[in-house]
Each structure stands twice: as C-alpha cells, then as structure tokens.
Amino acid sequence: MENFRNKLERSAFGVCAYLADKMGIPRARVRTYFIYLSCLTLGSPLLFYFFAAFWLNIRRYLREGASLRRSL
C-alpha cells in the first residue's frame, strides 16, 4: 500500500510534493492549501499547477538525458 501511495504522489501530485519538500512542510498541508486557494480564486492556481507540472517534467527529462550522455 505504501508503494502505491508513493507512486500516486509522484505522478498525480508531483507539484505539491515538490513544493512541500522544498519548503519543508507536510505534503498534505500544501495540497489542502492548494485546494482551498483554487476554490477561493475560481481555479486560477490551476494555471500555475499545469505550468509547474510541465516545467518539472521537462527538468526531469533534461536531467535523464544528461546522465545518459555522461554514461556513454
């Protein structure tokens, strides 16, 4: 069950988990604040979330490519 939870957090909530790890606060608290903020501002933080998810994915892709080039 813990393995499933970790996989779900990495894939579905990667942005909130990343922000929580960087700020040193619990992941659940960041997700809760994000949900409340989304409700109060009629969903505008979703734009930030999608941009951050895209940026984190590109960053991961570039790091994996760099590590592959070093190993060759």
PDB file of N, CA and C in Angstrom:
ATOM      1  N   MET A   1       0.826  -1.195   0.000  1.00  0.00           N
ATOM      2  CA  MET A   1       0.000   0.000   0.000  1.00  0.00           C
ATOM      3  C   MET A   1       0.868   1.255   0.000  1.00  0.00           C
ATOM      4  N   GLU A   2       1.944   1.235   0.770  1.00  0.00           N
ATOM      5  CA  GLU A   2       2.832   2.404   0.831  1.00  0.00           C
ATOM      6  C   GLU A   2       3.492   2.658  -0.525  1.00  0.00           C
ATOM      7  N   ASN A   3       3.833   1.587  -1.237  1.00  0.00           N
ATOM      8  CA  ASN A   3       4.433   1.725  -2.558  1.00  0.00           C
ATOM      9  C   ASN A   3       3.449   2.382  -3.526  1.00  0.00           C
ATOM     10  N   PHE A   4       2.187   1.970  -3.459  1.00  0.00           N
ATOM     11  CA  PHE A   4       1.147   2.565  -4.310  1.00  0.00           C
ATOM     12  C   PHE A   4       0.975   4.050  -3.992  1.00  0.00           C
ATOM     13  N   ARG A   5       0.983   4.380  -2.717  1.00  0.00           N
ATOM     14  CA  ARG A   5       0.819   5.779  -2.305  1.00  0.00           C
ATOM     15  C   ARG A   5       1.972   6.635  -2.809  1.00  0.00           C
ATOM     16  N   ASN A   6       3.199   6.132  -2.694  1.00  0.00           N
ATOM     17  CA  ASN A   6       4.356   6.884  -3.181  1.00  0.00           C
ATOM     18  C   ASN A   6       4.292   7.092  -4.684  1.00  0.00           C
ATOM     19  N   LYS A   7       3.886   6.069  -5.421  1.00  0.00           N
ATOM     20  CA  LYS A   7       3.774   6.190  -6.875  1.00  0.00           C
ATOM     21  C   LYS A   7       2.688   7.195  -7.258  1.00  0.00           C
ATOM     22  N   LEU A   8       1.563   7.147  -6.559  1.00  0.00           N
ATOM     23  CA  LEU A   8       0.478   8.084  -6.824  1.00  0.00           C
ATOM     24  C   LEU A   8       0.908   9.515  -6.519  1.00  0.00           C
ATOM     25  N   GLU A   9       1.626   9.718  -5.411  1.00  0.00           N
ATOM     26  CA  GLU A   9       2.079  11.055  -5.055  1.00  0.00           C
ATOM     27  C   GLU A   9       3.051  11.604  -6.094  1.00  0.00           C
ATOM     28  N   ARG A  10       3.936  10.753  -6.601  1.00  0.00           N
ATOM     29  CA  ARG A  10       4.901  11.223  -7.589  1.00  0.00           C
ATOM     30  C   ARG A  10       4.232  11.571  -8.908  1.00  0.00           C
ATOM     31  N   SER A  11       3.244  10.784  -9.322  1.00  0.00           N
ATOM     32  CA  SER A  11       2.651  11.024 -10.630  1.00  0.00           C
ATOM     33  C   SER A  11       1.496  12.025 -10.600  1.00  0.00           C
ATOM     34  N   ALA A  12       0.635  11.938  -9.615  1.00  0.00           N
ATOM     35  CA  ALA A  12      -0.552  12.785  -9.599  1.00  0.00           C
ATOM     36  C   ALA A  12      -0.341  14.099  -8.850  1.00  0.00           C
ATOM     37  N   PHE A  13       0.499  14.090  -7.849  1.00  0.00           N
ATOM     38  CA  PHE A  13       0.672  15.276  -7.031  1.00  0.00           C
ATOM     39  C   PHE A  13       2.125  15.738  -7.012  1.00  0.00           C
ATOM     40  N   GLY A  14       2.820  15.579  -8.098  1.00  0.00           N
ATOM     41  CA  GLY A  14       4.238  15.910  -8.132  1.00  0.00           C
ATOM     42  C   GLY A  14       4.539  17.356  -7.810  1.00  0.00           C
ATOM     43  N   VAL A  15       3.708  18.262  -8.219  1.00  0.00           N
ATOM     44  CA  VAL A  15       3.948  19.678  -7.985  1.00  0.00           C
ATOM     45  C   VAL A  15       3.815  20.004  -6.501  1.00  0.00           C
ATOM     46  N   CYS A  16       2.748  19.554  -5.886  1.00  0.00           N
ATOM     47  CA  CYS A  16       2.553  19.821  -4.456  1.00  0.00           C
ATOM     48  C   CYS A  16       3.632  19.147  -3.622  1.00  0.00           C
ATOM     49  N   ALA A  17       4.003  17.929  -3.991  1.00  0.00           N
ATOM     50  CA  ALA A  17       5.052  17.218  -3.253  1.00  0.00           C
ATOM     51  C   ALA A  17       6.388  17.938  -3.395  1.00  0.00           C
ATOM     52  N   TYR A  18       6.692  18.411  -4.590  1.00  0.00           N
ATOM     53  CA  TYR A  18       7.943  19.135  -4.818  1.00  0.00           C
ATOM     54  C   TYR A  18       7.990  20.416  -3.984  1.00  0.00           C
ATOM     55  N   LEU A  19       6.897  21.172  -4.015  1.00  0.00           N
ATOM     56  CA  LEU A  19       6.853  22.412  -3.236  1.00  0.00           C
ATOM     57  C   LEU A  19       6.955  22.135  -1.741  1.00  0.00           C
ATOM     58  N   ALA A  20       6.277  21.100  -1.276  1.00  0.00           N
ATOM     59  CA  ALA A  20       6.317  20.758   0.151  1.00  0.00           C
ATOM     60  C   ALA A  20       7.722  20.352   0.578  1.00  0.00           C
ATOM     61  N   ASP A  21       8.386  19.556  -0.254  1.00  0.00           N
ATOM     62  CA  ASP A  21       9.748  19.134   0.078  1.00  0.00           C
ATOM     63  C   ASP A  21      10.705  20.322   0.104  1.00  0.00           C
ATOM     64  N   LYS A  22      10.549  21.239  -0.822  1.00  0.00           N
ATOM     65  CA  LYS A  22      11.416  22.420  -0.870  1.00  0.00           C
ATOM     66  C   LYS A  22      11.176  23.350   0.317  1.00  0.00           C
ATOM     67  N   MET A  23       9.924  23.469   0.762  1.00  0.00           N
ATOM     68  CA  MET A  23       9.608  24.369   1.873  1.00  0.00           C
ATOM     69  C   MET A  23       9.706  23.685   3.231  1.00  0.00           C
ATOM     70  N   GLY A  24       9.801  22.356   3.237  1.00  0.00           N
ATOM     71  CA  GLY A  24       9.931  21.622   4.485  1.00  0.00           C
ATOM     72  C   GLY A  24       8.654  21.514   5.299  1.00  0.00           C
ATOM     73  N   ILE A  25       7.516  21.460   4.614  1.00  0.00           N
ATOM     74  CA  ILE A  25       6.237  21.306   5.308  1.00  0.00           C
ATOM     75  C   ILE A  25       5.552  20.041   4.784  1.00  0.00           C
ATOM     76  N   PRO A  26       4.574  19.517   5.500  1.00  0.00           N
ATOM     77  CA  PRO A  26       3.909  18.281   5.058  1.00  0.00           C
ATOM     78  C   PRO A  26       3.210  18.443   3.703  1.00  0.00           C
ATOM     79  N   ARG A  27       3.273  17.387   2.916  1.00  0.00           N
ATOM     80  CA  ARG A  27       2.664  17.407   1.579  1.00  0.00           C
ATOM     81  C   ARG A  27       1.156  17.603   1.652  1.00  0.00           C
ATOM     82  N   ALA A  28       0.525  16.995   2.625  1.00  0.00           N
ATOM     83  CA  ALA A  28      -0.929  17.109   2.754  1.00  0.00           C
ATOM     84  C   ALA A  28      -1.348  18.557   2.997  1.00  0.00           C
ATOM     85  N   ARG A  29      -0.548  19.291   3.738  1.00  0.00           N
ATOM     86  CA  ARG A  29      -0.873  20.695   4.009  1.00  0.00           C
ATOM     87  C   ARG A  29      -0.797  21.524   2.726  1.00  0.00           C
ATOM     88  N   VAL A  30       0.210  21.286   1.893  1.00  0.00           N
ATOM     89  CA  VAL A  30       0.331  22.023   0.627  1.00  0.00           C
ATOM     90  C   VAL A  30      -0.855  21.696  -0.275  1.00  0.00           C
ATOM     91  N   ARG A  31      -1.233  20.422  -0.343  1.00  0.00           N
ATOM     92  CA  ARG A  31      -2.390  20.045  -1.170  1.00  0.00           C
ATOM     93  C   ARG A  31      -3.666  20.700  -0.664  1.00  0.00           C
ATOM     94  N   THR A  32      -3.838  20.730   0.658  1.00  0.00           N
ATOM     95  CA  THR A  32      -5.028  21.349   1.243  1.00  0.00           C
ATOM     96  C   THR A  32      -5.072  22.834   0.918  1.00  0.00           C
ATOM     97  N   TYR A  33      -3.957  23.526   1.093  1.00  0.00           N
ATOM     98  CA  TYR A  33      -3.907  24.956   0.764  1.00  0.00           C
ATOM     99  C   TYR A  33      -4.175  25.188  -0.712  1.00  0.00           C
ATOM    100  N   PHE A  34      -3.640  24.326  -1.562  1.00  0.00           N
ATOM    101  CA  PHE A  34      -3.865  24.475  -2.998  1.00  0.00           C
ATOM    102  C   PHE A  34      -5.344  24.317  -3.335  1.00  0.00           C
ATOM    103  N   ILE A  35      -5.999  23.347  -2.713  1.00  0.00           N
ATOM    104  CA  ILE A  35      -7.429  23.140  -2.972  1.00  0.00           C
ATOM    105  C   ILE A  35      -8.236  24.338  -2.492  1.00  0.00           C
ATOM    106  N   TYR A  36      -7.955  24.820  -1.284  1.00  0.00           N
ATOM    107  CA  TYR A  36      -8.671  25.995  -0.775  1.00  0.00           C
ATOM    108  C   TYR A  36      -8.427  27.215  -1.649  1.00  0.00           C
ATOM    109  N   LEU A  37      -7.184  27.414  -2.047  1.00  0.00           N
ATOM    110  CA  LEU A  37      -6.848  28.563  -2.893  1.00  0.00           C
ATOM    111  C   LEU A  37      -7.557  28.458  -4.245  1.00  0.00           C
ATOM    112  N   SER A  38      -7.637  27.267  -4.790  1.00  0.00           N
ATOM    113  CA  SER A  38      -8.333  27.068  -6.067  1.00  0.00           C
ATOM    114  C   SER A  38      -9.818  27.389  -5.951  1.00  0.00           C
ATOM    115  N   CYS A  39     -10.419  27.005  -4.830  1.00  0.00           N
ATOM    116  CA  CYS A  39     -11.847  27.296  -4.634  1.00  0.00           C
ATOM    117  C   CYS A  39     -12.082  28.793  -4.445  1.00  0.00           C
ATOM    118  N   LEU A  40     -11.211  29.444  -3.690  1.00  0.00           N
ATOM    119  CA  LEU A  40     -11.387  30.870  -3.423  1.00  0.00           C
ATOM    120  C   LEU A  40     -11.134  31.745  -4.648  1.00  0.00           C
ATOM    121  N   THR A  41     -10.244  31.324  -5.523  1.00  0.00           N
ATOM    122  CA  THR A  41      -9.887  32.146  -6.682  1.00  0.00           C
ATOM    123  C   THR A  41     -10.472  31.605  -7.982  1.00  0.00           C
ATOM    124  N   LEU A  42     -11.440  30.735  -7.863  1.00  0.00           N
ATOM    125  CA  LEU A  42     -12.156  30.173  -9.013  1.00  0.00           C
ATOM    126  C   LEU A  42     -11.241  29.434  -9.985  1.00  0.00           C
ATOM    127  N   GLY A  43     -10.249  28.728  -9.441  1.00  0.00           N
ATOM    128  CA  GLY A  43      -9.434  27.844 -10.255  1.00  0.00           C
ATOM    129  C   GLY A  43      -8.205  28.437 -10.898  1.00  0.00           C
ATOM    130  N   SER A  44      -7.886  29.697 -10.659  1.00  0.00           N
ATOM    131  CA  SER A  44      -6.719  30.280 -11.322  1.00  0.00           C
ATOM    132  C   SER A  44      -5.391  29.641 -10.927  1.00  0.00           C
ATOM    133  N   PRO A  45      -5.232  29.066  -9.729  1.00  0.00           N
ATOM    134  CA  PRO A  45      -3.970  28.379  -9.430  1.00  0.00           C
ATOM    135  C   PRO A  45      -3.734  27.136 -10.294  1.00  0.00           C
ATOM    136  N   LEU A  46      -4.762  26.672 -10.980  1.00  0.00           N
ATOM    137  CA  LEU A  46      -4.567  25.534 -11.876  1.00  0.00           C
ATOM    138  C   LEU A  46      -3.591  25.874 -12.994  1.00  0.00           C
ATOM    139  N   LEU A  47      -3.591  27.119 -13.444  1.00  0.00           N
ATOM    140  CA  LEU A  47      -2.624  27.529 -14.461  1.00  0.00           C
ATOM    141  C   LEU A  47      -1.202  27.374 -13.931  1.00  0.00           C
ATOM    142  N   PHE A  48      -0.981  27.813 -12.700  1.00  0.00           N
ATOM    143  CA  PHE A  48       0.331  27.638 -12.082  1.00  0.00           C
ATOM    144  C   PHE A  48       0.669  26.164 -11.951  1.00  0.00           C
ATOM    145  N   TYR A  49      -0.288  25.366 -11.530  1.00  0.00           N
ATOM    146  CA  TYR A  49      -0.056  23.936 -11.337  1.00  0.00           C
ATOM    147  C   TYR A  49       0.351  23.273 -12.651  1.00  0.00           C
ATOM    148  N   PHE A  50      -0.371  23.561 -13.728  1.00  0.00           N
ATOM    149  CA  PHE A  50      -0.052  22.950 -15.018  1.00  0.00           C
ATOM    150  C   PHE A  50       1.310  23.414 -15.529  1.00  0.00           C
ATOM    151  N   PHE A  51       1.625  24.698 -15.347  1.00  0.00           N
ATOM    152  CA  PHE A  51       2.933  25.200 -15.751  1.00  0.00           C
ATOM    153  C   PHE A  51       4.033  24.529 -14.945  1.00  0.00           C
ATOM    154  N   ALA A  52       3.854  24.414 -13.638  1.00  0.00           N
ATOM    155  CA  ALA A  52       4.867  23.791 -12.782  1.00  0.00           C
ATOM    156  C   ALA A  52       5.011  22.306 -13.117  1.00  0.00           C
ATOM    157  N   ALA A  53       3.925  21.623 -13.389  1.00  0.00           N
ATOM    158  CA  ALA A  53       3.995  20.209 -13.760  1.00  0.00           C
ATOM    159  C   ALA A  53       4.766  20.046 -15.065  1.00  0.00           C
ATOM    160  N   PHE A  54       4.491  20.909 -16.021  1.00  0.00           N
ATOM    161  CA  PHE A  54       5.209  20.874 -17.291  1.00  0.00           C
ATOM    162  C   PHE A  54       6.692  21.140 -17.066  1.00  0.00           C
ATOM    163  N   TRP A  55       7.016  22.150 -16.267  1.00  0.00           N
ATOM    164  CA  TRP A  55       8.412  22.507 -16.015  1.00  0.00           C
ATOM    165  C   TRP A  55       9.156  21.383 -15.299  1.00  0.00           C
ATOM    166  N   LEU A  56       8.541  20.765 -14.313  1.00  0.00           N
ATOM    167  CA  LEU A  56       9.181  19.661 -13.597  1.00  0.00           C
ATOM    168  C   LEU A  56       9.411  18.466 -14.519  1.00  0.00           C
ATOM    169  N   ASN A  57       8.481  18.221 -15.427  1.00  0.00           N
ATOM    170  CA  ASN A  57       8.634  17.122 -16.373  1.00  0.00           C
ATOM    171  C   ASN A  57       9.784  17.399 -17.340  1.00  0.00           C
ATOM    172  N   ILE A  58       9.881  18.607 -17.844  1.00  0.00           N
ATOM    173  CA  ILE A  58      10.976  18.976 -18.744  1.00  0.00           C
ATOM    174  C   ILE A  58      12.307  18.881 -18.008  1.00  0.00           C
ATOM    175  N   ARG A  59      12.342  19.350 -16.784  1.00  0.00           N
ATOM    176  CA  ARG A  59      13.564  19.316 -15.977  1.00  0.00           C
ATOM    177  C   ARG A  59      14.030  17.874 -15.761  1.00  0.00           C
ATOM    178  N   ARG A  60      13.097  16.980 -15.432  1.00  0.00           N
ATOM    179  CA  ARG A  60      13.425  15.566 -15.247  1.00  0.00           C
ATOM    180  C   ARG A  60      13.946  14.966 -16.551  1.00  0.00           C
ATOM    181  N   TYR A  61      13.315  15.312 -17.662  1.00  0.00           N
ATOM    182  CA  TYR A  61      13.728  14.814 -18.967  1.00  0.00           C
ATOM    183  C   TYR A  61      15.152  15.272 -19.293  1.00  0.00           C
ATOM    184  N   LEU A  62      15.459  16.527 -19.035  1.00  0.00           N
ATOM    185  CA  LEU A  62      16.797  17.038 -19.316  1.00  0.00           C
ATOM    186  C   LEU A  62      17.850  16.387 -18.426  1.00  0.00           C
ATOM    187  N   ARG A  63      17.528  16.169 -17.162  1.00  0.00           N
ATOM    188  CA  ARG A  63      18.483  15.510 -16.255  1.00  0.00           C
ATOM    189  C   ARG A  63      18.737  14.066 -16.664  1.00  0.00           C
ATOM    190  N   GLU A  64      17.702  13.356 -17.082  1.00  0.00           N
ATOM    191  CA  GLU A  64      17.883  11.972 -17.522  1.00  0.00           C
ATOM    192  C   GLU A  64      18.722  11.922 -18.791  1.00  0.00           C
ATOM    193  N   GLY A  65      18.515  12.875 -19.690  1.00  0.00           N
ATOM    194  CA  GLY A  65      19.313  12.937 -20.923  1.00  0.00           C
ATOM    195  C   GLY A  65      20.769  13.234 -20.629  1.00  0.00           C
ATOM    196  N   ALA A  66      21.024  14.115 -19.672  1.00  0.00           N
ATOM    197  CA  ALA A  66      22.398  14.454 -19.310  1.00  0.00           C
ATOM    198  C   ALA A  66      23.085  13.255 -18.669  1.00  0.00           C
ATOM    199  N   SER A  67      22.382  12.505 -17.850  1.00  0.00           N
ATOM    200  CA  SER A  67      23.003  11.343 -17.209  1.00  0.00           C
ATOM    201  C   SER A  67      23.275  10.233 -18.241  1.00  0.00           C
ATOM    202  N   LEU A  68      22.429  10.115 -19.260  1.00  0.00           N
ATOM    203  CA  LEU A  68      22.674   9.142 -20.309  1.00  0.00           C
ATOM    204  C   LEU A  68      23.905   9.509 -21.125  1.00  0.00           C
ATOM    205  N   ARG A  69      24.081  10.794 -21.403  1.00  0.00           N
ATOM    206  CA  ARG A  69      25.248  11.227 -22.180  1.00  0.00           C
ATOM    207  C   ARG A  69      26.532  11.012 -21.404  1.00  0.00           C
ATOM    208  N   ARG A  70      26.492  11.217 -20.089  1.00  0.00           N
ATOM    209  CA  ARG A  70      27.695  11.004 -19.270  1.00  0.00           C
ATOM    210  C   ARG A  70      28.080   9.541 -19.210  1.00  0.00           C
ATOM    211  N   SER A  71      27.096   8.653 -19.247  1.00  0.00           N
ATOM    212  CA  SER A  71      27.399   7.228 -19.126  1.00  0.00           C
ATOM    213  C   SER A  71      27.960   6.643 -20.426  1.00  0.00           C
ATOM    214  N   LEU A  72      27.762   7.337 -21.536  1.00  0.00           N
ATOM    215  CA  LEU A  72      28.292   6.826 -22.822  1.00  0.00           C
ATOM    216  C   LEU A  72      29.705   7.188 -22.915  1.00  0.00           C
TER     217      LEU A  72
END
